[in-house]
N, C-alpha and C. Protein backbone atom coordinates (compact mmCIF):
# COMPACT_ATOMS: atom_id res chain seq x y z
N UNK A 1 0.88 -1.22 -0.06
CA UNK A 1 0.06 -0.01 0.06
C UNK A 1 0.91 1.25 0.00
N UNK A 2 0.44 2.29 -0.79
CA UNK A 2 1.27 3.47 -0.85
C UNK A 2 0.93 4.41 0.30
N UNK A 3 1.73 5.41 0.39
CA UNK A 3 1.45 6.43 1.51
C UNK A 3 -0.07 7.04 1.35
N UNK A 4 -0.65 7.26 2.46
CA UNK A 4 -1.97 7.92 2.48
C UNK A 4 -1.85 9.25 3.14
N UNK A 5 -2.05 10.21 2.36
CA UNK A 5 -1.93 11.72 2.92
C UNK A 5 -3.11 11.96 3.84
N UNK A 6 -2.82 12.47 4.96
CA UNK A 6 -3.89 12.84 5.97
C UNK A 6 -3.46 14.20 6.67
N UNK A 7 -4.49 14.87 6.91
CA UNK A 7 -4.21 16.06 7.81
C UNK A 7 -4.14 15.57 9.17
N UNK A 8 -3.73 16.42 10.21
CA UNK A 8 -3.75 16.03 11.51
C UNK A 8 -5.14 15.76 12.07
N UNK A 9 -6.12 16.55 11.71
CA UNK A 9 -7.49 16.32 12.01
C UNK A 9 -7.99 15.01 11.46
N UNK A 10 -7.67 14.89 10.14
CA UNK A 10 -8.19 13.56 9.51
C UNK A 10 -7.72 12.32 10.22
N UNK A 11 -6.44 12.31 10.66
CA UNK A 11 -5.79 11.24 11.38
C UNK A 11 -6.48 11.06 12.70
N UNK A 12 -6.75 12.15 13.36
CA UNK A 12 -7.47 12.06 14.64
C UNK A 12 -8.77 11.46 14.51
N UNK A 13 -9.56 11.97 13.47
CA UNK A 13 -10.88 11.27 13.28
C UNK A 13 -10.80 9.78 13.01
N UNK A 14 -9.91 9.35 12.17
CA UNK A 14 -9.70 7.93 11.98
C UNK A 14 -9.39 7.20 13.16
N UNK A 15 -8.44 7.73 14.05
CA UNK A 15 -8.16 7.04 15.29
C UNK A 15 -9.37 6.94 16.14
N UNK A 16 -10.24 8.04 16.22
CA UNK A 16 -11.36 8.04 17.12
C UNK A 16 -12.29 6.91 16.51
N UNK A 17 -12.53 6.84 15.20
CA UNK A 17 -13.46 5.92 14.68
C UNK A 17 -12.92 4.48 15.01
N UNK A 18 -11.62 4.24 14.90
CA UNK A 18 -10.96 2.96 15.21
C UNK A 18 -11.17 2.52 16.53
N UNK A 19 -11.09 3.50 17.48
CA UNK A 19 -11.22 3.24 18.97
C UNK A 19 -12.76 2.84 19.19
N UNK A 20 -13.66 3.54 18.54
CA UNK A 20 -15.15 3.31 18.70
C UNK A 20 -15.40 1.84 18.17
N UNK A 21 -14.88 1.60 17.03
CA UNK A 21 -15.13 0.20 16.52
C UNK A 21 -14.68 -0.85 17.33
N UNK A 22 -13.44 -0.68 17.88
CA UNK A 22 -12.79 -1.76 18.75
C UNK A 22 -13.40 -1.91 20.16
N UNK A 23 -13.79 -0.68 20.81
CA UNK A 23 -14.26 -0.72 22.14
C UNK A 23 -15.74 -0.72 22.23
N UNK A 24 -16.53 -0.28 21.30
CA UNK A 24 -17.97 -0.25 21.47
C UNK A 24 -18.64 -1.22 20.43
N UNK A 25 -18.38 -0.99 19.16
CA UNK A 25 -19.09 -1.68 18.10
C UNK A 25 -18.69 -3.20 18.10
N UNK A 26 -17.53 -3.58 18.16
CA UNK A 26 -17.04 -4.96 18.10
C UNK A 26 -17.68 -5.69 19.28
N UNK A 27 -17.51 -5.20 20.59
CA UNK A 27 -18.16 -5.95 21.64
C UNK A 27 -19.66 -6.16 21.60
N UNK A 28 -20.34 -5.09 21.07
CA UNK A 28 -21.70 -5.00 20.92
C UNK A 28 -22.08 -6.18 20.00
N UNK A 29 -21.56 -6.30 18.85
CA UNK A 29 -21.96 -7.30 17.85
C UNK A 29 -21.50 -8.62 18.36
N UNK A 30 -20.44 -8.90 19.06
CA UNK A 30 -20.09 -10.10 19.59
C UNK A 30 -21.24 -10.58 20.60
N UNK A 31 -21.67 -9.65 21.42
CA UNK A 31 -22.79 -10.00 22.32
C UNK A 31 -24.04 -10.41 21.58
N UNK A 32 -24.31 -9.64 20.42
CA UNK A 32 -25.58 -9.89 19.64
C UNK A 32 -25.47 -11.33 19.02
N UNK A 33 -24.27 -11.71 18.53
CA UNK A 33 -24.05 -13.01 17.97
C UNK A 33 -24.31 -14.04 19.04
N UNK A 34 -23.69 -13.89 20.21
CA UNK A 34 -23.95 -14.93 21.33
C UNK A 34 -25.37 -15.04 21.68
N UNK A 35 -26.08 -13.93 21.73
CA UNK A 35 -27.44 -13.92 21.98
C UNK A 35 -28.42 -14.65 20.93
N UNK A 36 -27.92 -14.35 19.72
CA UNK A 36 -28.69 -14.94 18.53
C UNK A 36 -28.36 -16.49 18.55
N UNK A 37 -27.25 -16.89 18.92
CA UNK A 37 -26.91 -18.37 18.97
C UNK A 37 -27.72 -19.11 20.00
N UNK A 38 -28.00 -18.31 21.08
CA UNK A 38 -28.76 -18.95 22.18
C UNK A 38 -30.23 -19.26 21.73
N UNK A 39 -30.63 -18.62 20.65
CA UNK A 39 -32.01 -18.84 20.24
C UNK A 39 -32.13 -20.16 19.46
N UNK A 40 -31.09 -20.76 19.12
CA UNK A 40 -31.24 -22.13 18.54
C UNK A 40 -30.76 -22.10 17.09
N UNK A 41 -31.57 -22.86 16.16
CA UNK A 41 -31.28 -23.10 14.74
C UNK A 41 -30.74 -21.86 14.17
N UNK A 42 -29.35 -22.00 13.73
CA UNK A 42 -28.71 -20.80 13.09
C UNK A 42 -29.12 -20.65 11.66
N UNK A 43 -29.51 -21.77 10.93
CA UNK A 43 -29.82 -21.67 9.58
C UNK A 43 -31.00 -20.67 9.24
N UNK A 44 -31.95 -20.58 10.13
CA UNK A 44 -33.13 -19.71 9.87
C UNK A 44 -33.18 -18.49 10.91
N UNK A 45 -32.00 -18.24 11.46
CA UNK A 45 -32.04 -17.30 12.42
C UNK A 45 -31.54 -15.90 11.85
N UNK A 46 -32.49 -14.98 11.58
CA UNK A 46 -32.13 -13.72 10.88
C UNK A 46 -31.29 -12.87 11.72
N UNK A 47 -31.49 -12.81 13.08
CA UNK A 47 -30.70 -12.01 13.94
C UNK A 47 -29.22 -12.45 13.92
N UNK A 48 -29.11 -13.76 13.84
CA UNK A 48 -27.68 -14.23 13.81
C UNK A 48 -26.99 -13.80 12.49
N UNK A 49 -27.62 -14.00 11.37
CA UNK A 49 -27.09 -13.60 10.10
C UNK A 49 -26.79 -12.07 9.98
N UNK A 50 -27.76 -11.26 10.51
CA UNK A 50 -27.58 -9.92 10.53
C UNK A 50 -26.35 -9.44 11.26
N UNK A 51 -26.25 -10.03 12.54
CA UNK A 51 -25.08 -9.80 13.44
C UNK A 51 -23.78 -10.18 12.73
N UNK A 52 -23.77 -11.35 12.11
CA UNK A 52 -22.59 -11.82 11.51
C UNK A 52 -22.16 -10.86 10.32
N UNK A 53 -23.24 -10.41 9.56
CA UNK A 53 -22.83 -9.39 8.53
C UNK A 53 -22.26 -8.08 9.09
N UNK A 54 -22.83 -7.70 10.19
CA UNK A 54 -22.34 -6.46 10.95
C UNK A 54 -20.92 -6.70 11.38
N UNK A 55 -20.72 -7.89 11.85
CA UNK A 55 -19.36 -8.27 12.38
C UNK A 55 -18.33 -8.12 11.19
N UNK A 56 -18.75 -8.68 10.00
CA UNK A 56 -17.77 -8.63 8.75
C UNK A 56 -17.57 -7.18 8.49
N UNK A 57 -18.57 -6.36 8.48
CA UNK A 57 -18.38 -4.96 8.18
C UNK A 57 -17.31 -4.28 9.17
N UNK A 58 -17.69 -4.54 10.43
CA UNK A 58 -16.81 -3.84 11.43
C UNK A 58 -15.40 -4.37 11.27
N UNK A 59 -15.17 -5.70 11.15
CA UNK A 59 -13.71 -6.16 11.07
C UNK A 59 -13.09 -5.57 9.74
N UNK A 60 -13.90 -5.50 8.71
CA UNK A 60 -13.36 -4.94 7.54
C UNK A 60 -12.91 -3.48 7.60
N UNK A 61 -13.75 -2.80 8.33
CA UNK A 61 -13.49 -1.32 8.49
C UNK A 61 -12.27 -1.17 9.41
N UNK A 62 -12.13 -1.99 10.46
CA UNK A 62 -11.02 -1.94 11.47
C UNK A 62 -9.74 -2.17 10.59
N UNK A 63 -9.82 -3.18 9.84
CA UNK A 63 -8.54 -3.56 8.84
C UNK A 63 -8.22 -2.38 7.97
N UNK A 64 -9.26 -1.80 7.44
CA UNK A 64 -9.05 -0.63 6.40
C UNK A 64 -8.38 0.50 7.15
N UNK A 65 -8.93 0.91 8.32
CA UNK A 65 -8.44 2.02 9.01
C UNK A 65 -6.92 1.72 9.55
N UNK A 66 -6.74 0.55 10.16
CA UNK A 66 -5.46 0.19 10.58
C UNK A 66 -4.45 0.27 9.45
N UNK A 67 -4.87 -0.18 8.18
CA UNK A 67 -3.90 -0.08 7.10
C UNK A 67 -3.56 1.39 6.70
N UNK A 68 -4.62 2.23 6.68
CA UNK A 68 -4.48 3.59 6.30
C UNK A 68 -3.53 4.27 7.40
N UNK A 69 -3.87 4.08 8.65
CA UNK A 69 -3.04 4.81 9.66
C UNK A 69 -1.61 4.20 9.65
N UNK A 70 -1.32 2.94 9.38
CA UNK A 70 0.00 2.49 9.29
C UNK A 70 0.76 3.00 8.07
N UNK A 71 0.06 3.44 7.02
CA UNK A 71 0.69 4.06 5.84
C UNK A 71 0.48 5.49 5.71
N UNK A 72 0.05 6.08 6.81
CA UNK A 72 -0.28 7.57 6.67
C UNK A 72 0.90 8.34 6.65
N UNK A 73 0.85 9.44 5.83
CA UNK A 73 1.78 10.51 5.97
C UNK A 73 1.01 11.75 6.56
N UNK A 74 1.10 11.99 7.73
CA UNK A 74 0.29 12.99 8.40
C UNK A 74 0.98 14.31 8.18
N UNK A 75 0.23 15.22 7.68
CA UNK A 75 0.79 16.55 7.24
C UNK A 75 0.16 17.71 8.22
N UNK A 76 0.94 18.26 8.97
CA UNK A 76 0.49 19.40 9.77
C UNK A 76 0.73 20.69 9.10
N UNK A 77 -0.26 21.29 8.53
CA UNK A 77 -0.02 22.48 7.67
C UNK A 77 0.38 23.66 8.57
N UNK A 78 0.21 23.65 9.81
CA UNK A 78 0.69 24.72 10.55
C UNK A 78 2.25 24.77 10.78
N UNK A 79 2.84 23.57 10.46
CA UNK A 79 4.31 23.47 10.61
C UNK A 79 5.01 23.66 9.12
N UNK A 80 4.14 23.89 8.18
CA UNK A 80 4.71 24.05 6.90
C UNK A 80 5.21 25.60 6.70
N UNK A 81 6.16 25.83 5.91
CA UNK A 81 6.47 27.24 5.68
C UNK A 81 5.36 28.01 4.91
N UNK A 82 5.03 29.04 5.41
CA UNK A 82 3.76 29.89 4.78
C UNK A 82 4.25 30.54 3.50
N UNK A 83 4.21 29.94 2.36
CA UNK A 83 4.65 30.57 1.14
C UNK A 83 3.44 31.33 0.53
N UNK A 84 2.29 31.13 1.04
CA UNK A 84 1.28 31.80 0.38
C UNK A 84 0.51 31.02 -0.72
N UNK A 85 1.18 29.91 -0.96
CA UNK A 85 0.61 29.02 -2.06
C UNK A 85 -0.37 27.99 -1.48
N UNK A 86 -1.17 27.60 -2.31
CA UNK A 86 -2.19 26.46 -1.95
C UNK A 86 -1.40 25.28 -2.00
N UNK A 87 -1.39 24.40 -0.86
CA UNK A 87 -0.75 23.10 -0.76
C UNK A 87 -1.64 22.29 0.09
N UNK A 88 -1.40 20.97 0.20
CA UNK A 88 -2.16 19.98 0.97
C UNK A 88 -2.35 20.61 2.33
N UNK A 89 -3.55 20.62 2.81
CA UNK A 89 -3.85 21.02 4.23
C UNK A 89 -4.30 22.50 4.36
N UNK A 90 -4.07 23.30 3.32
CA UNK A 90 -4.45 24.77 3.43
C UNK A 90 -5.85 24.93 3.24
N UNK A 91 -6.36 25.98 3.82
CA UNK A 91 -7.76 26.50 3.69
C UNK A 91 -7.70 27.59 2.62
N UNK A 92 -8.62 27.53 1.70
CA UNK A 92 -8.62 28.48 0.46
C UNK A 92 -9.94 29.17 0.47
N UNK A 93 -10.06 30.42 0.37
CA UNK A 93 -11.16 31.21 0.22
C UNK A 93 -11.29 31.60 -1.25
N UNK A 94 -12.37 31.30 -1.89
CA UNK A 94 -12.55 31.44 -3.29
C UNK A 94 -13.82 32.33 -3.54
N UNK A 95 -13.85 33.01 -4.76
CA UNK A 95 -15.01 33.70 -5.07
C UNK A 95 -15.28 33.15 -6.58
N UNK A 96 -16.50 32.74 -6.88
CA UNK A 96 -16.91 32.22 -8.25
C UNK A 96 -16.91 33.49 -9.15
N UNK A 97 -16.22 33.56 -10.15
CA UNK A 97 -16.07 34.85 -10.90
C UNK A 97 -17.48 35.09 -11.68
N UNK A 98 -18.30 34.01 -11.90
CA UNK A 98 -19.52 34.22 -12.67
C UNK A 98 -20.60 34.71 -11.67
N UNK A 99 -20.77 33.95 -10.50
CA UNK A 99 -21.91 34.21 -9.66
C UNK A 99 -21.52 35.13 -8.45
N UNK A 100 -20.23 35.26 -8.24
CA UNK A 100 -19.92 36.07 -7.10
C UNK A 100 -19.96 35.30 -5.79
N UNK A 101 -20.37 34.04 -5.84
CA UNK A 101 -20.50 33.20 -4.62
C UNK A 101 -19.19 32.96 -3.92
N UNK A 102 -19.10 33.06 -2.62
CA UNK A 102 -17.96 32.79 -1.79
C UNK A 102 -17.94 31.38 -1.42
N UNK A 103 -16.79 30.72 -1.47
CA UNK A 103 -16.68 29.29 -0.96
C UNK A 103 -15.29 29.19 -0.19
N UNK A 104 -15.33 28.36 0.79
CA UNK A 104 -14.09 28.00 1.55
C UNK A 104 -13.89 26.59 1.58
N UNK A 105 -12.70 26.18 1.02
CA UNK A 105 -12.32 24.72 0.98
C UNK A 105 -11.01 24.46 1.77
N UNK A 106 -10.98 23.38 2.33
CA UNK A 106 -9.68 22.87 2.78
C UNK A 106 -9.18 21.71 2.03
N UNK A 107 -8.00 21.77 1.58
CA UNK A 107 -7.55 20.69 0.63
C UNK A 107 -7.04 19.55 1.52
N UNK A 108 -7.64 18.38 1.43
CA UNK A 108 -7.40 17.32 2.37
C UNK A 108 -7.27 15.97 1.59
N UNK A 109 -6.90 14.86 2.24
CA UNK A 109 -6.78 13.61 1.63
C UNK A 109 -8.10 12.95 1.23
N UNK A 110 -8.06 11.94 0.41
CA UNK A 110 -9.31 11.34 -0.15
C UNK A 110 -10.20 10.77 0.94
N UNK A 111 -9.63 10.24 1.96
CA UNK A 111 -10.47 9.67 3.07
C UNK A 111 -11.14 10.78 3.91
N UNK A 112 -10.62 11.94 3.79
CA UNK A 112 -11.25 13.04 4.68
C UNK A 112 -12.21 13.90 3.91
N UNK A 113 -12.24 13.75 2.62
CA UNK A 113 -13.05 14.66 1.76
C UNK A 113 -14.60 14.57 2.21
N UNK A 114 -15.05 15.73 2.26
CA UNK A 114 -16.57 15.90 2.56
C UNK A 114 -16.92 17.24 2.09
N UNK A 115 -17.45 17.31 0.85
CA UNK A 115 -17.72 18.56 0.26
C UNK A 115 -18.74 19.40 1.05
N UNK A 116 -19.66 18.85 1.78
CA UNK A 116 -20.64 19.62 2.53
C UNK A 116 -19.91 20.32 3.72
N UNK A 117 -18.87 19.67 4.17
CA UNK A 117 -18.13 20.32 5.32
C UNK A 117 -16.96 21.21 4.85
N UNK A 118 -16.77 21.43 3.49
CA UNK A 118 -15.75 22.25 2.97
C UNK A 118 -14.42 21.65 2.81
N UNK A 119 -14.36 20.23 2.94
CA UNK A 119 -13.22 19.41 2.83
C UNK A 119 -13.04 18.89 1.43
N UNK A 120 -12.12 19.28 0.65
CA UNK A 120 -12.04 18.88 -0.72
C UNK A 120 -10.77 18.04 -0.95
N UNK A 121 -11.07 16.85 -1.64
CA UNK A 121 -9.96 15.97 -1.94
C UNK A 121 -8.87 16.63 -2.78
N UNK A 122 -7.61 16.35 -2.49
CA UNK A 122 -6.52 16.95 -3.31
C UNK A 122 -6.61 16.42 -4.74
N UNK A 123 -7.30 15.24 -4.94
CA UNK A 123 -7.36 14.73 -6.36
C UNK A 123 -8.56 15.26 -7.09
N UNK A 124 -9.39 16.08 -6.51
CA UNK A 124 -10.51 16.55 -7.19
C UNK A 124 -10.07 17.61 -8.17
N UNK A 125 -10.99 17.87 -9.23
CA UNK A 125 -10.49 18.75 -10.25
C UNK A 125 -10.33 20.25 -9.72
N UNK A 126 -11.09 20.61 -8.82
CA UNK A 126 -10.98 22.02 -8.20
C UNK A 126 -9.55 22.08 -7.47
N UNK A 127 -9.38 21.12 -6.64
CA UNK A 127 -8.17 21.06 -5.85
C UNK A 127 -6.87 21.00 -6.69
N UNK A 128 -6.95 20.23 -7.68
CA UNK A 128 -5.86 20.08 -8.61
C UNK A 128 -5.46 21.32 -9.28
N UNK A 129 -6.59 22.18 -9.67
CA UNK A 129 -6.38 23.45 -10.27
C UNK A 129 -5.89 24.53 -9.23
N UNK A 130 -6.20 24.37 -8.03
CA UNK A 130 -5.79 25.37 -7.05
C UNK A 130 -4.36 25.09 -6.50
N UNK A 131 -3.93 23.87 -6.44
CA UNK A 131 -2.61 23.67 -5.83
C UNK A 131 -1.49 24.36 -6.48
N UNK A 132 -0.63 25.07 -5.85
CA UNK A 132 0.46 25.77 -6.39
C UNK A 132 0.13 27.33 -6.64
N UNK A 133 -1.18 27.60 -6.63
CA UNK A 133 -1.58 28.96 -6.80
C UNK A 133 -1.54 29.75 -5.62
N UNK A 134 -1.80 31.06 -5.71
CA UNK A 134 -1.79 32.01 -4.46
C UNK A 134 -2.95 32.94 -4.59
N UNK A 135 -3.08 33.64 -3.53
CA UNK A 135 -4.13 34.66 -3.48
C UNK A 135 -4.06 35.69 -4.60
N UNK A 136 -5.15 36.00 -5.30
CA UNK A 136 -5.13 36.85 -6.46
C UNK A 136 -5.25 36.15 -7.70
N UNK A 137 -4.76 34.92 -7.75
CA UNK A 137 -4.75 34.09 -8.93
C UNK A 137 -6.25 33.75 -9.25
N UNK A 138 -6.43 33.62 -10.49
CA UNK A 138 -7.70 33.12 -11.12
C UNK A 138 -7.49 31.64 -11.70
N UNK A 139 -8.32 30.79 -11.34
CA UNK A 139 -8.19 29.40 -11.82
C UNK A 139 -9.44 29.00 -12.63
N UNK A 140 -9.20 28.35 -13.75
CA UNK A 140 -10.35 27.77 -14.47
C UNK A 140 -10.46 26.40 -14.27
N UNK A 141 -11.61 25.88 -13.97
CA UNK A 141 -11.84 24.43 -13.57
C UNK A 141 -12.90 23.76 -14.49
N UNK A 142 -12.63 22.63 -15.05
CA UNK A 142 -13.63 21.87 -15.79
C UNK A 142 -14.16 20.92 -14.65
N UNK A 143 -15.45 21.18 -14.33
CA UNK A 143 -16.12 20.33 -13.24
C UNK A 143 -17.24 19.52 -14.02
N UNK A 144 -17.87 18.63 -13.38
CA UNK A 144 -18.93 17.80 -13.97
C UNK A 144 -20.13 18.74 -14.22
N UNK A 145 -20.15 19.83 -13.53
CA UNK A 145 -21.28 20.76 -13.75
C UNK A 145 -21.00 21.86 -14.74
N UNK A 146 -19.88 21.84 -15.30
CA UNK A 146 -19.43 22.82 -16.40
C UNK A 146 -18.13 23.54 -15.92
N UNK A 147 -17.76 24.36 -16.91
CA UNK A 147 -16.43 25.11 -16.67
C UNK A 147 -16.77 26.22 -15.63
N UNK A 148 -15.90 26.45 -14.65
CA UNK A 148 -16.00 27.43 -13.68
C UNK A 148 -14.65 28.24 -13.55
N UNK A 149 -14.86 29.43 -13.13
CA UNK A 149 -13.60 30.32 -12.81
C UNK A 149 -13.69 30.75 -11.43
N UNK A 150 -12.67 30.69 -10.74
CA UNK A 150 -12.58 31.02 -9.30
C UNK A 150 -11.47 31.99 -9.06
N UNK A 151 -11.62 33.00 -8.32
CA UNK A 151 -10.51 33.88 -7.79
C UNK A 151 -10.14 33.42 -6.48
N UNK A 152 -8.86 33.19 -6.13
CA UNK A 152 -8.36 32.92 -4.80
C UNK A 152 -8.28 34.13 -4.14
N UNK A 153 -9.05 34.39 -2.97
CA UNK A 153 -8.98 35.58 -2.22
C UNK A 153 -8.12 35.46 -0.96
N UNK A 154 -7.87 34.23 -0.49
CA UNK A 154 -7.14 34.06 0.64
C UNK A 154 -6.68 32.57 0.81
N UNK A 155 -5.36 32.42 1.24
CA UNK A 155 -4.83 31.06 1.54
C UNK A 155 -4.42 31.13 2.94
N UNK A 156 -4.88 30.17 3.77
CA UNK A 156 -4.67 30.03 5.14
C UNK A 156 -3.99 28.78 5.62
N UNK A 157 -2.98 28.81 6.36
CA UNK A 157 -2.20 27.67 6.87
C UNK A 157 -2.62 27.45 8.23
N UNK A 158 -3.90 27.01 8.45
CA UNK A 158 -4.46 26.90 9.80
C UNK A 158 -4.89 25.40 10.04
């Protein structure tokens, strides 16, 4: 597995999810399997099969997170030299040149991306267009919704 780029906050969220899976979800599903077994015939026991499916999902997710964290390259943007350029982890304030709409994105790893929370994957078309640019630059982006032009108004290393 290759390196997985994560922000400090993204790595923290993954560790918290892993802890919850191991300390809460896994014991809960083990208990549910034991209770379902006590009901008798496992062939026709829907509770047992549902609990086993849940266990498979939990174990898969634990393995996935363990793998990502073991191969993580955690980048603390506050420790990077502030060159004013957009890099992984920076927060970028944008203005849509056509609509005047203001948007704020943080450039993050693929596992952290959540467009509704303003976290944009570094591999997305918008992030790829922004990386290396600085405040005052205008970037043209081909998105699934059509071509867009954004002006970078601020780059923050927070």
